[in-house]
Amino acid sequence: MLGPLAGRHIAVLLGGLSSERDVSLVSGQACAEALEQLGAQVSRVDAGRDLAQVLARLNPEVCFNALHGAWGEDGCVQGVLETLGLPYTHSGVLASALAMDKSKSKAVLAAGGVTVPGGGLFDRHLAAADHVMPPPYVIKPNAEGSSVGVFIVPEGANRPPKDIGAPDWAYGEEVMIEPYIRGFELAVGVMNGKAMTVTEIRPRAGFYDYAAKYTEGGSEHVLPARIPAHVFEKALKMSELAHAVLGCQGVSRADLRYDDVNDILVLLEVNTQPGMTPTSLVPEQAASLGVSFDQLVLWITEDAYARAAAGGLGRSAGTPG
């Protein structure tokens, strides 16, 4: 029996050049297998500097972008695909670039009415020399994902971590420093502008770092999150608003924190290409709503085809908001 994508040639972009390469390889492989189950002819493309030449030779109908992190998720690859005239999944150049830059996305989100943490960008050497705000606070690269390079400086810490001032620090000369929001770690998937549900994430140890995200058993996902009803509804609406304000397309995921003592909910960031690994949050949320992994991949792909048919390729609708 032929699948819904029979006869379609789809290039799955995976791997790439960022610190999240390994995660992308897993995401991409899972999506490629689903597309093949759906009947598509799939070309797996490990995205390197020769991506434009490779895609020009393959000439796929659409690109399923399973890249994570810098270059693949920050508008760069999206620009290459726009130039080649190839339809692609997920958000376009503008939304991708905005969401990846934590400082700029926070400014846009705040202007759009989304509650975000305070803090700002600081020179990494100054931030390594002394506290730039009273602990507890969080240090993170301004343009990385998957909790790469993230440090939590606890209350009472004598000094910041030396790592951010080290010569081998590879995540930019400025770091984002925000007050630490105690309480619940939450995530909300947004599909076609509509929030799915809310997941509470409980790391087995420490905080929700790279290992907790991608190691089997590294964290517990409570779905739906056991939070007050008014907070649950607010998290859904805030995530939908963030998706719209940044101009996202297809599927995105918002990461939030809820301080239950002070009843404060803040949105930390939006991921325009959320993980599609076996432990990833968006496929898990979709499954809880009766949408299988294959169905999710099919919808993401058909959304790219639909935008191409409307003349928009993979672009967001012009400007954010």
C-alpha atoms as a PDB file:
ATOM      1  CA  MET A   1       0.000   0.000   0.000  1.00  0.00           C
ATOM      2  CA  LEU A   2       1.400   3.382  -1.000  1.00  0.00           C
ATOM      3  CA  GLY A   3       1.892   5.948   1.741  1.00  0.00           C
ATOM      4  CA  PRO A   4       0.686   9.570   1.668  1.00  0.00           C
ATOM      5  CA  LEU A   5       4.135  10.758   0.538  1.00  0.00           C
ATOM      6  CA  ALA A   6       4.612   8.142  -2.202  1.00  0.00           C
ATOM      7  CA  GLY A   7       6.675   9.515  -5.064  1.00  0.00           C
ATOM      8  CA  ARG A   8       7.894  12.511  -3.079  1.00  0.00           C
ATOM      9  CA  HIS A   9      11.630  13.213  -2.874  1.00  0.00           C
ATOM     10  CA  ILE A  10      12.522  14.721   0.501  1.00  0.00           C
ATOM     11  CA  ALA A  11      15.973  15.685   1.726  1.00  0.00           C
ATOM     12  CA  VAL A  12      16.426  15.364   5.485  1.00  0.00           C
ATOM     13  CA  LEU A  13      19.070  17.789   6.743  1.00  0.00           C
ATOM     14  CA  LEU A  14      20.849  16.391   9.781  1.00  0.00           C
ATOM     15  CA  GLY A  15      24.147  16.515  11.635  1.00  0.00           C
ATOM     16  CA  GLY A  16      25.557  19.895  10.732  1.00  0.00           C
ATOM     17  CA  LEU A  17      28.336  21.977  12.236  1.00  0.00           C
ATOM     18  CA  SER A  18      27.049  22.979  15.672  1.00  0.00           C
ATOM     19  CA  SER A  19      27.649  21.703  19.188  1.00  0.00           C
ATOM     20  CA  GLU A  20      24.272  19.951  18.862  1.00  0.00           C
ATOM     21  CA  ARG A  21      25.403  17.788  15.948  1.00  0.00           C
ATOM     22  CA  ASP A  22      24.949  14.466  17.759  1.00  0.00           C
ATOM     23  CA  VAL A  23      21.383  15.310  18.760  1.00  0.00           C
ATOM     24  CA  SER A  24      20.585  16.365  15.205  1.00  0.00           C
ATOM     25  CA  LEU A  25      21.851  13.056  13.835  1.00  0.00           C
ATOM     26  CA  VAL A  26      19.388  11.212  16.069  1.00  0.00           C
ATOM     27  CA  SER A  27      16.508  13.592  15.264  1.00  0.00           C
ATOM     28  CA  GLY A  28      17.221  13.414  11.556  1.00  0.00           C
ATOM     29  CA  GLN A  29      17.469   9.634  11.465  1.00  0.00           C
ATOM     30  CA  ALA A  30      14.138   9.261  13.286  1.00  0.00           C
ATOM     31  CA  CYS A  31      12.433  11.703  10.901  1.00  0.00           C
ATOM     32  CA  ALA A  32      13.998  10.063   7.820  1.00  0.00           C
ATOM     33  CA  GLU A  33      12.728   6.652   8.890  1.00  0.00           C
ATOM     34  CA  ALA A  34       9.241   8.061   9.467  1.00  0.00           C
ATOM     35  CA  LEU A  35       9.242   9.704   6.025  1.00  0.00           C
ATOM     36  CA  GLU A  36      10.244   6.410   4.432  1.00  0.00           C
ATOM     37  CA  GLN A  37       7.409   4.691   6.287  1.00  0.00           C
ATOM     38  CA  LEU A  38       5.127   7.323   4.758  1.00  0.00           C
ATOM     39  CA  GLY A  39       6.333   6.361   1.284  1.00  0.00           C
ATOM     40  CA  ALA A  40       8.786   9.160   0.522  1.00  0.00           C
ATOM     41  CA  GLN A  41      12.101   8.803  -1.268  1.00  0.00           C
ATOM     42  CA  VAL A  42      14.485  10.164   1.354  1.00  0.00           C
ATOM     43  CA  SER A  43      17.977  11.586   0.885  1.00  0.00           C
ATOM     44  CA  ARG A  44      19.846  11.963   4.168  1.00  0.00           C
ATOM     45  CA  VAL A  45      22.104  15.025   3.943  1.00  0.00           C
ATOM     46  CA  ASP A  46      24.767  15.632   6.580  1.00  0.00           C
ATOM     47  CA  ALA A  47      24.782  19.397   6.222  1.00  0.00           C
ATOM     48  CA  GLY A  48      28.257  20.840   5.652  1.00  0.00           C
ATOM     49  CA  ARG A  49      29.706  23.872   3.911  1.00  0.00           C
ATOM     50  CA  ASP A  50      28.884  22.295   0.567  1.00  0.00           C
ATOM     51  CA  LEU A  51      25.158  22.079   1.369  1.00  0.00           C
ATOM     52  CA  ALA A  52      24.079  24.284  -1.551  1.00  0.00           C
ATOM     53  CA  GLN A  53      25.993  22.181  -4.067  1.00  0.00           C
ATOM     54  CA  VAL A  54      24.707  18.909  -2.597  1.00  0.00           C
ATOM     55  CA  LEU A  55      21.092  20.061  -2.672  1.00  0.00           C
ATOM     56  CA  ALA A  56      21.431  21.481  -6.181  1.00  0.00           C
ATOM     57  CA  ARG A  57      22.591  18.056  -7.330  1.00  0.00           C
ATOM     58  CA  LEU A  58      19.875  16.129  -5.446  1.00  0.00           C
ATOM     59  CA  ASN A  59      17.084  18.566  -6.392  1.00  0.00           C
ATOM     60  CA  PRO A  60      14.576  17.439  -3.714  1.00  0.00           C
ATOM     61  CA  GLU A  61      10.994  18.692  -3.650  1.00  0.00           C
ATOM     62  CA  VAL A  62      11.269  19.766  -0.018  1.00  0.00           C
ATOM     63  CA  CYS A  63      13.870  19.809   2.765  1.00  0.00           C
ATOM     64  CA  PHE A  64      13.001  18.482   6.208  1.00  0.00           C
ATOM     65  CA  ASN A  65      15.263  20.545   8.445  1.00  0.00           C
ATOM     66  CA  ALA A  66      16.305  18.401  11.416  1.00  0.00           C
ATOM     67  CA  LEU A  67      19.362  20.521  12.252  1.00  0.00           C
ATOM     68  CA  HIS A  68      19.797  21.976  15.735  1.00  0.00           C
ATOM     69  CA  GLY A  69      21.860  24.894  16.958  1.00  0.00           C
ATOM     70  CA  ALA A  70      24.063  27.414  15.199  1.00  0.00           C
ATOM     71  CA  TRP A  71      24.011  27.559  11.401  1.00  0.00           C
ATOM     72  CA  GLY A  72      21.159  25.060  11.070  1.00  0.00           C
ATOM     73  CA  GLU A  73      18.608  26.730  13.326  1.00  0.00           C
ATOM     74  CA  ASP A  74      19.632  30.396  13.320  1.00  0.00           C
ATOM     75  CA  GLY A  75      18.554  31.505   9.848  1.00  0.00           C
ATOM     76  CA  CYS A  76      21.761  30.624   7.984  1.00  0.00           C
ATOM     77  CA  VAL A  77      20.640  27.353   6.398  1.00  0.00           C
ATOM     78  CA  GLN A  78      17.183  28.837   5.936  1.00  0.00           C
ATOM     79  CA  GLY A  79      18.783  31.590   3.850  1.00  0.00           C
ATOM     80  CA  VAL A  80      20.604  29.014   1.730  1.00  0.00           C
ATOM     81  CA  LEU A  81      17.326  27.195   1.094  1.00  0.00           C
ATOM     82  CA  GLU A  82      15.546  30.436   0.217  1.00  0.00           C
ATOM     83  CA  THR A  83      18.296  31.262  -2.271  1.00  0.00           C
ATOM     84  CA  LEU A  84      17.992  27.812  -3.848  1.00  0.00           C
ATOM     85  CA  GLY A  85      14.213  28.157  -3.998  1.00  0.00           C
ATOM     86  CA  LEU A  86      13.700  24.952  -1.993  1.00  0.00           C
ATOM     87  CA  PRO A  87      10.711  24.634   0.344  1.00  0.00           C
ATOM     88  CA  TYR A  88      11.632  23.626   3.890  1.00  0.00           C
ATOM     89  CA  THR A  89      10.072  22.766   7.226  1.00  0.00           C
ATOM     90  CA  HIS A  90       9.821  24.848  10.398  1.00  0.00           C
ATOM     91  CA  SER A  91      10.420  28.583  10.687  1.00  0.00           C
ATOM     92  CA  GLY A  92      11.924  30.959   8.160  1.00  0.00           C
ATOM     93  CA  VAL A  93      15.009  33.163   8.202  1.00  0.00           C
ATOM     94  CA  LEU A  94      13.743  35.965  10.426  1.00  0.00           C
ATOM     95  CA  ALA A  95      12.012  33.886  13.102  1.00  0.00           C
ATOM     96  CA  SER A  96      14.920  31.433  13.229  1.00  0.00           C
ATOM     97  CA  ALA A  97      17.516  34.176  13.652  1.00  0.00           C
ATOM     98  CA  LEU A  98      15.474  35.980  16.302  1.00  0.00           C
ATOM     99  CA  ALA A  99      14.697  32.909  18.374  1.00  0.00           C
ATOM    100  CA  MET A 100      18.332  31.747  18.405  1.00  0.00           C
ATOM    101  CA  ASP A 101      19.593  35.116  19.682  1.00  0.00           C
ATOM    102  CA  LYS A 102      18.429  35.076  23.310  1.00  0.00           C
ATOM    103  CA  SER A 103      18.988  38.770  23.902  1.00  0.00           C
ATOM    104  CA  LYS A 104      17.111  39.963  20.823  1.00  0.00           C
ATOM    105  CA  SER A 105      14.304  37.438  21.180  1.00  0.00           C
ATOM    106  CA  LYS A 106      13.752  38.497  24.805  1.00  0.00           C
ATOM    107  CA  ALA A 107      13.405  42.114  23.694  1.00  0.00           C
ATOM    108  CA  VAL A 108      10.908  41.211  20.971  1.00  0.00           C
ATOM    109  CA  LEU A 109       8.946  38.878  23.256  1.00  0.00           C
ATOM    110  CA  ALA A 110       8.761  41.460  26.039  1.00  0.00           C
ATOM    111  CA  ALA A 111       7.554  44.096  23.574  1.00  0.00           C
ATOM    112  CA  GLY A 112       4.880  41.637  22.443  1.00  0.00           C
ATOM    113  CA  GLY A 113       3.543  41.114  25.963  1.00  0.00           C
ATOM    114  CA  VAL A 114       5.359  37.890  26.924  1.00  0.00           C
ATOM    115  CA  THR A 115       6.782  37.748  30.464  1.00  0.00           C
ATOM    116  CA  VAL A 116      10.525  37.009  30.314  1.00  0.00           C
ATOM    117  CA  PRO A 117      13.284  36.960  32.979  1.00  0.00           C
ATOM    118  CA  GLY A 118      15.400  40.016  33.669  1.00  0.00           C
ATOM    119  CA  GLY A 119      19.155  40.146  33.179  1.00  0.00           C
ATOM    120  CA  GLY A 120      21.083  40.854  30.011  1.00  0.00           C
ATOM    121  CA  LEU A 121      24.301  40.356  28.047  1.00  0.00           C
ATOM    122  CA  PHE A 122      27.680  40.681  29.767  1.00  0.00           C
ATOM    123  CA  ASP A 123      31.295  40.381  28.666  1.00  0.00           C
ATOM    124  CA  ARG A 124      32.315  36.848  29.600  1.00  0.00           C
ATOM    125  CA  HIS A 125      35.609  37.918  31.185  1.00  0.00           C
ATOM    126  CA  LEU A 126      33.878  40.431  33.465  1.00  0.00           C
ATOM    127  CA  ALA A 127      31.243  37.831  34.323  1.00  0.00           C
ATOM    128  CA  ALA A 128      33.993  35.326  35.189  1.00  0.00           C
ATOM    129  CA  ALA A 129      35.863  37.812  37.386  1.00  0.00           C
ATOM    130  CA  ASP A 130      33.008  38.685  39.754  1.00  0.00           C
ATOM    131  CA  HIS A 131      29.255  38.405  40.217  1.00  0.00           C
ATOM    132  CA  VAL A 132      27.393  40.785  37.913  1.00  0.00           C
ATOM    133  CA  MET A 133      24.204  40.210  39.930  1.00  0.00           C
ATOM    134  CA  PRO A 134      23.504  38.643  43.314  1.00  0.00           C
ATOM    135  CA  PRO A 135      23.284  34.817  43.159  1.00  0.00           C
ATOM    136  CA  PRO A 136      21.364  32.713  42.370  1.00  0.00           C
ATOM    137  CA  TYR A 137      21.561  33.348  38.644  1.00  0.00           C
ATOM    138  CA  VAL A 138      21.979  31.483  35.370  1.00  0.00           C
ATOM    139  CA  ILE A 139      24.775  31.937  32.823  1.00  0.00           C
ATOM    140  CA  LYS A 140      24.165  30.761  29.265  1.00  0.00           C
ATOM    141  CA  PRO A 141      25.586  31.396  25.800  1.00  0.00           C
ATOM    142  CA  ASN A 142      23.530  33.907  23.845  1.00  0.00           C
ATOM    143  CA  ALA A 143      23.136  31.671  20.786  1.00  0.00           C
ATOM    144  CA  GLU A 144      23.285  27.997  21.737  1.00  0.00           C
ATOM    145  CA  GLY A 145      20.646  25.389  22.498  1.00  0.00           C
ATOM    146  CA  SER A 146      20.280  22.062  24.345  1.00  0.00           C
ATOM    147  CA  SER A 147      21.634  23.684  27.544  1.00  0.00           C
ATOM    148  CA  VAL A 148      25.147  23.703  26.061  1.00  0.00           C
ATOM    149  CA  GLY A 149      27.444  25.930  28.121  1.00  0.00           C
ATOM    150  CA  VAL A 150      24.832  26.667  30.813  1.00  0.00           C
ATOM    151  CA  PHE A 151      25.800  27.217  34.462  1.00  0.00           C
ATOM    152  CA  ILE A 152      23.620  27.801  37.511  1.00  0.00           C
ATOM    153  CA  VAL A 153      25.395  29.922  40.123  1.00  0.00           C
ATOM    154  CA  PRO A 154      23.774  29.032  43.451  1.00  0.00           C
ATOM    155  CA  GLU A 155      22.952  31.335  46.310  1.00  0.00           C
ATOM    156  CA  GLY A 156      26.019  31.851  48.494  1.00  0.00           C
ATOM    157  CA  ALA A 157      28.512  31.065  45.714  1.00  0.00           C
ATOM    158  CA  ASN A 158      31.834  32.802  46.358  1.00  0.00           C
ATOM    159  CA  ARG A 159      32.552  33.475  42.691  1.00  0.00           C
ATOM    160  CA  PRO A 160      31.304  32.718  39.170  1.00  0.00           C
ATOM    161  CA  PRO A 161      32.500  29.620  37.280  1.00  0.00           C
ATOM    162  CA  LYS A 162      35.951  30.051  35.756  1.00  0.00           C
ATOM    163  CA  ASP A 163      34.915  28.183  32.603  1.00  0.00           C
ATOM    164  CA  ILE A 164      33.272  31.204  30.990  1.00  0.00           C
ATOM    165  CA  GLY A 165      36.552  33.119  31.096  1.00  0.00           C
ATOM    166  CA  ALA A 166      38.713  30.248  29.863  1.00  0.00           C
ATOM    167  CA  PRO A 167      40.672  30.540  26.579  1.00  0.00           C
ATOM    168  CA  ASP A 168      38.882  27.505  25.150  1.00  0.00           C
ATOM    169  CA  TRP A 169      35.375  28.934  25.726  1.00  0.00           C
ATOM    170  CA  ALA A 170      33.711  28.503  22.325  1.00  0.00           C
ATOM    171  CA  TYR A 171      30.341  30.198  22.762  1.00  0.00           C
ATOM    172  CA  GLY A 172      30.947  33.886  22.088  1.00  0.00           C
ATOM    173  CA  GLU A 173      32.442  36.821  23.937  1.00  0.00           C
ATOM    174  CA  GLU A 174      29.164  37.806  25.579  1.00  0.00           C
ATOM    175  CA  VAL A 175      27.019  35.625  27.838  1.00  0.00           C
ATOM    176  CA  MET A 176      23.383  35.950  28.847  1.00  0.00           C
ATOM    177  CA  ILE A 177      22.946  36.202  32.616  1.00  0.00           C
ATOM    178  CA  GLU A 178      19.481  35.969  34.139  1.00  0.00           C
ATOM    179  CA  PRO A 179      18.085  35.673  37.661  1.00  0.00           C
ATOM    180  CA  TYR A 180      17.482  32.031  38.559  1.00  0.00           C
ATOM    181  CA  ILE A 181      13.767  31.277  38.690  1.00  0.00           C
ATOM    182  CA  ARG A 182      13.154  28.542  41.254  1.00  0.00           C
ATOM    183  CA  GLY A 183      10.329  26.037  40.869  1.00  0.00           C
ATOM    184  CA  PHE A 184       8.952  24.070  37.926  1.00  0.00           C
ATOM    185  CA  GLU A 185      10.661  23.484  34.560  1.00  0.00           C
ATOM    186  CA  LEU A 186       7.924  23.491  31.902  1.00  0.00           C
ATOM    187  CA  ALA A 187       7.702  22.985  28.149  1.00  0.00           C
ATOM    188  CA  VAL A 188       4.904  23.644  25.677  1.00  0.00           C
ATOM    189  CA  GLY A 189       4.843  22.465  22.085  1.00  0.00           C
ATOM    190  CA  VAL A 190       3.082  24.714  19.563  1.00  0.00           C
ATOM    191  CA  MET A 191       1.788  23.231  16.317  1.00  0.00           C
ATOM    192  CA  ASN A 192       0.291  25.449  13.624  1.00  0.00           C
ATOM    193  CA  GLY A 193      -0.002  28.259  16.170  1.00  0.00           C
ATOM    194  CA  LYS A 194      -1.919  26.135  18.691  1.00  0.00           C
ATOM    195  CA  ALA A 195      -0.380  24.993  21.966  1.00  0.00           C
ATOM    196  CA  MET A 196      -0.382  21.235  22.536  1.00  0.00           C
ATOM    197  CA  THR A 197      -0.114  20.746  26.306  1.00  0.00           C
ATOM    198  CA  VAL A 198       2.270  21.434  29.191  1.00  0.00           C
ATOM    199  CA  THR A 199       5.010  19.056  30.313  1.00  0.00           C
ATOM    200  CA  GLU A 200       6.776  19.352  33.658  1.00  0.00           C
ATOM    201  CA  ILE A 201      10.411  18.229  33.456  1.00  0.00           C
ATOM    202  CA  ARG A 202      12.047  16.731  36.527  1.00  0.00           C
ATOM    203  CA  PRO A 203      15.785  16.068  36.057  1.00  0.00           C
ATOM    204  CA  ARG A 204      17.024  12.971  37.867  1.00  0.00           C
ATOM    205  CA  ALA A 205      20.007  14.946  39.156  1.00  0.00           C
ATOM    206  CA  GLY A 206      21.089  18.579  39.033  1.00  0.00           C
ATOM    207  CA  PHE A 207      19.312  20.732  36.454  1.00  0.00           C
ATOM    208  CA  TYR A 208      17.897  20.077  32.984  1.00  0.00           C
ATOM    209  CA  ASP A 209      21.258  20.018  31.221  1.00  0.00           C
ATOM    210  CA  TYR A 210      22.404  18.282  28.018  1.00  0.00           C
ATOM    211  CA  ALA A 211      22.687  14.882  29.724  1.00  0.00           C
ATOM    212  CA  ALA A 212      19.245  15.187  31.335  1.00  0.00           C
ATOM    213  CA  LYS A 213      17.722  16.071  27.960  1.00  0.00           C
ATOM    214  CA  TYR A 214      19.261  13.364  25.811  1.00  0.00           C
ATOM    215  CA  THR A 215      20.271  10.484  28.102  1.00  0.00           C
ATOM    216  CA  GLU A 216      17.618   7.817  28.512  1.00  0.00           C
ATOM    217  CA  GLY A 217      16.284   8.147  32.038  1.00  0.00           C
ATOM    218  CA  GLY A 218      18.045  11.487  32.520  1.00  0.00           C
ATOM    219  CA  SER A 219      14.779  13.232  33.356  1.00  0.00           C
ATOM    220  CA  GLU A 220      11.168  12.450  34.157  1.00  0.00           C
ATOM    221  CA  HIS A 221       8.453  14.038  32.023  1.00  0.00           C
ATOM    222  CA  VAL A 222       5.185  14.628  33.870  1.00  0.00           C
ATOM    223  CA  LEU A 223       2.492  14.938  31.220  1.00  0.00           C
ATOM    224  CA  PRO A 224       0.283  16.832  31.669  1.00  0.00           C
ATOM    225  CA  ALA A 225       2.139  19.005  34.178  1.00  0.00           C
ATOM    226  CA  ARG A 226       0.749  18.964  37.711  1.00  0.00           C
ATOM    227  CA  ILE A 227       0.444  22.698  38.136  1.00  0.00           C
ATOM    228  CA  PRO A 228      -2.538  24.908  39.033  1.00  0.00           C
ATOM    229  CA  ALA A 229      -5.143  25.189  36.276  1.00  0.00           C
ATOM    230  CA  HIS A 230      -4.655  28.938  35.879  1.00  0.00           C
ATOM    231  CA  VAL A 231      -0.897  28.450  35.389  1.00  0.00           C
ATOM    232  CA  PHE A 232      -1.467  25.623  32.900  1.00  0.00           C
ATOM    233  CA  GLU A 233      -3.758  27.819  30.804  1.00  0.00           C
ATOM    234  CA  LYS A 234      -1.391  30.794  31.062  1.00  0.00           C
ATOM    235  CA  ALA A 235       1.546  28.639  29.890  1.00  0.00           C
ATOM    236  CA  LEU A 236      -0.453  27.563  26.814  1.00  0.00           C
ATOM    237  CA  LYS A 237      -1.442  31.121  25.925  1.00  0.00           C
ATOM    238  CA  MET A 238       2.027  32.539  26.584  1.00  0.00           C
ATOM    239  CA  SER A 239       3.614  29.908  24.327  1.00  0.00           C
ATOM    240  CA  GLU A 240       1.144  30.607  21.520  1.00  0.00           C
ATOM    241  CA  LEU A 241       1.821  34.328  21.851  1.00  0.00           C
ATOM    242  CA  ALA A 242       5.592  33.787  21.747  1.00  0.00           C
ATOM    243  CA  HIS A 243       5.270  31.612  18.608  1.00  0.00           C
ATOM    244  CA  ALA A 244       3.232  34.373  16.929  1.00  0.00           C
ATOM    245  CA  VAL A 245       5.355  37.322  18.113  1.00  0.00           C
ATOM    246  CA  LEU A 246       8.564  35.773  16.756  1.00  0.00           C
ATOM    247  CA  GLY A 247       6.838  34.812  13.494  1.00  0.00           C
ATOM    248  CA  CYS A 248       7.390  31.071  13.901  1.00  0.00           C
ATOM    249  CA  GLN A 249       5.960  28.507  11.495  1.00  0.00           C
ATOM    250  CA  GLY A 250       5.185  24.800  11.751  1.00  0.00           C
ATOM    251  CA  VAL A 251       6.164  23.358  15.130  1.00  0.00           C
ATOM    252  CA  SER A 252       8.022  25.178  17.905  1.00  0.00           C
ATOM    253  CA  ARG A 253       8.579  24.586  21.619  1.00  0.00           C
ATOM    254  CA  ALA A 254       8.548  27.129  24.423  1.00  0.00           C
ATOM    255  CA  ASP A 255      10.564  26.572  27.613  1.00  0.00           C
ATOM    256  CA  LEU A 256       9.188  28.163  30.769  1.00  0.00           C
ATOM    257  CA  ARG A 257       9.769  28.333  34.530  1.00  0.00           C
ATOM    258  CA  TYR A 258       7.064  28.589  37.190  1.00  0.00           C
ATOM    259  CA  ASP A 259       7.852  29.876  40.675  1.00  0.00           C
ATOM    260  CA  ASP A 260       5.000  28.366  42.706  1.00  0.00           C
ATOM    261  CA  VAL A 261       5.904  30.274  45.876  1.00  0.00           C
ATOM    262  CA  ASN A 262       5.477  33.682  44.246  1.00  0.00           C
ATOM    263  CA  ASP A 263       3.096  32.504  41.467  1.00  0.00           C
ATOM    264  CA  ILE A 264       5.374  33.820  38.711  1.00  0.00           C
ATOM    265  CA  LEU A 265       5.498  32.264  35.230  1.00  0.00           C
ATOM    266  CA  VAL A 266       8.229  33.340  32.776  1.00  0.00           C
ATOM    267  CA  LEU A 267       9.098  32.198  29.278  1.00  0.00           C
ATOM    268  CA  LEU A 268      12.811  31.455  28.900  1.00  0.00           C
ATOM    269  CA  GLU A 269      13.100  30.859  25.154  1.00  0.00           C
ATOM    270  CA  VAL A 270      11.488  29.461  22.013  1.00  0.00           C
ATOM    271  CA  ASN A 271      13.018  26.585  20.035  1.00  0.00           C
ATOM    272  CA  THR A 272      12.093  26.840  16.366  1.00  0.00           C
ATOM    273  CA  GLN A 273      13.324  23.311  15.578  1.00  0.00           C
ATOM    274  CA  PRO A 274      12.552  21.245  18.662  1.00  0.00           C
ATOM    275  CA  GLY A 275      14.171  17.869  19.123  1.00  0.00           C
ATOM    276  CA  MET A 276      12.705  14.810  17.437  1.00  0.00           C
ATOM    277  CA  THR A 277      14.683  12.209  19.389  1.00  0.00           C
ATOM    278  CA  PRO A 278      13.194   9.270  21.336  1.00  0.00           C
ATOM    279  CA  THR A 279      13.275  11.388  24.534  1.00  0.00           C
ATOM    280  CA  SER A 280      12.065  14.631  22.940  1.00  0.00           C
ATOM    281  CA  LEU A 281       9.205  16.643  24.350  1.00  0.00           C
ATOM    282  CA  VAL A 282       7.187  17.618  21.262  1.00  0.00           C
ATOM    283  CA  PRO A 283       6.701  14.062  19.895  1.00  0.00           C
ATOM    284  CA  GLU A 284       5.721  12.991  23.413  1.00  0.00           C
ATOM    285  CA  GLN A 285       3.147  15.778  23.672  1.00  0.00           C
ATOM    286  CA  ALA A 286       1.780  14.979  20.223  1.00  0.00           C
ATOM    287  CA  ALA A 287       1.405  11.303  21.202  1.00  0.00           C
ATOM    288  CA  SER A 288      -0.545  12.311  24.317  1.00  0.00           C
ATOM    289  CA  LEU A 289      -3.018  14.037  21.988  1.00  0.00           C
ATOM    290  CA  GLY A 290      -3.341  10.991  19.742  1.00  0.00           C
ATOM    291  CA  VAL A 291      -0.860  12.142  17.066  1.00  0.00           C
ATOM    292  CA  SER A 292       1.734   9.454  16.324  1.00  0.00           C
ATOM    293  CA  PHE A 293       5.352  10.256  15.484  1.00  0.00           C
ATOM    294  CA  ASP A 294       4.747   9.439  11.795  1.00  0.00           C
ATOM    295  CA  GLN A 295       1.660  11.663  11.755  1.00  0.00           C
ATOM    296  CA  LEU A 296       3.621  14.516  13.333  1.00  0.00           C
ATOM    297  CA  VAL A 297       6.398  14.203  10.752  1.00  0.00           C
ATOM    298  CA  LEU A 298       3.779  14.028   7.977  1.00  0.00           C
ATOM    299  CA  TRP A 299       2.081  17.210   9.198  1.00  0.00           C
ATOM    300  CA  ILE A 300       5.395  19.095   9.451  1.00  0.00           C
ATOM    301  CA  THR A 301       6.252  18.025   5.892  1.00  0.00           C
ATOM    302  CA  GLU A 302       2.834  18.844   4.444  1.00  0.00           C
ATOM    303  CA  ASP A 303       2.993  22.246   6.131  1.00  0.00           C
ATOM    304  CA  ALA A 304       6.184  22.970   4.165  1.00  0.00           C
ATOM    305  CA  TYR A 305       4.487  21.876   0.920  1.00  0.00           C
ATOM    306  CA  ALA A 306       1.482  24.076   1.703  1.00  0.00           C
ATOM    307  CA  ARG A 307       3.615  27.173   2.261  1.00  0.00           C
ATOM    308  CA  ALA A 308       5.485  26.493  -0.966  1.00  0.00           C
ATOM    309  CA  ALA A 309       2.209  26.184  -2.842  1.00  0.00           C
ATOM    310  CA  ALA A 310       1.143  29.526  -1.385  1.00  0.00           C
ATOM    311  CA  GLY A 311       4.355  31.067  -2.710  1.00  0.00           C
ATOM    312  CA  GLY A 312       6.071  31.473   0.663  1.00  0.00           C
ATOM    313  CA  LEU A 313       8.713  28.705   0.581  1.00  0.00           C
ATOM    314  CA  GLY A 314       9.690  28.271   4.228  1.00  0.00           C
ATOM    315  CA  ARG A 315       9.433  31.910   5.203  1.00  0.00           C
ATOM    316  CA  SER A 316       7.616  33.276   8.188  1.00  0.00           C
ATOM    317  CA  ALA A 317       4.910  35.701   7.246  1.00  0.00           C
ATOM    318  CA  GLY A 318       7.102  38.749   6.673  1.00  0.00           C
ATOM    319  CA  THR A 319       7.599  40.328  10.074  1.00  0.00           C
ATOM    320  CA  PRO A 320       7.130  39.071  13.632  1.00  0.00           C
ATOM    321  CA  GLY A 321       3.845  39.549  15.361  1.00  0.00           C
END
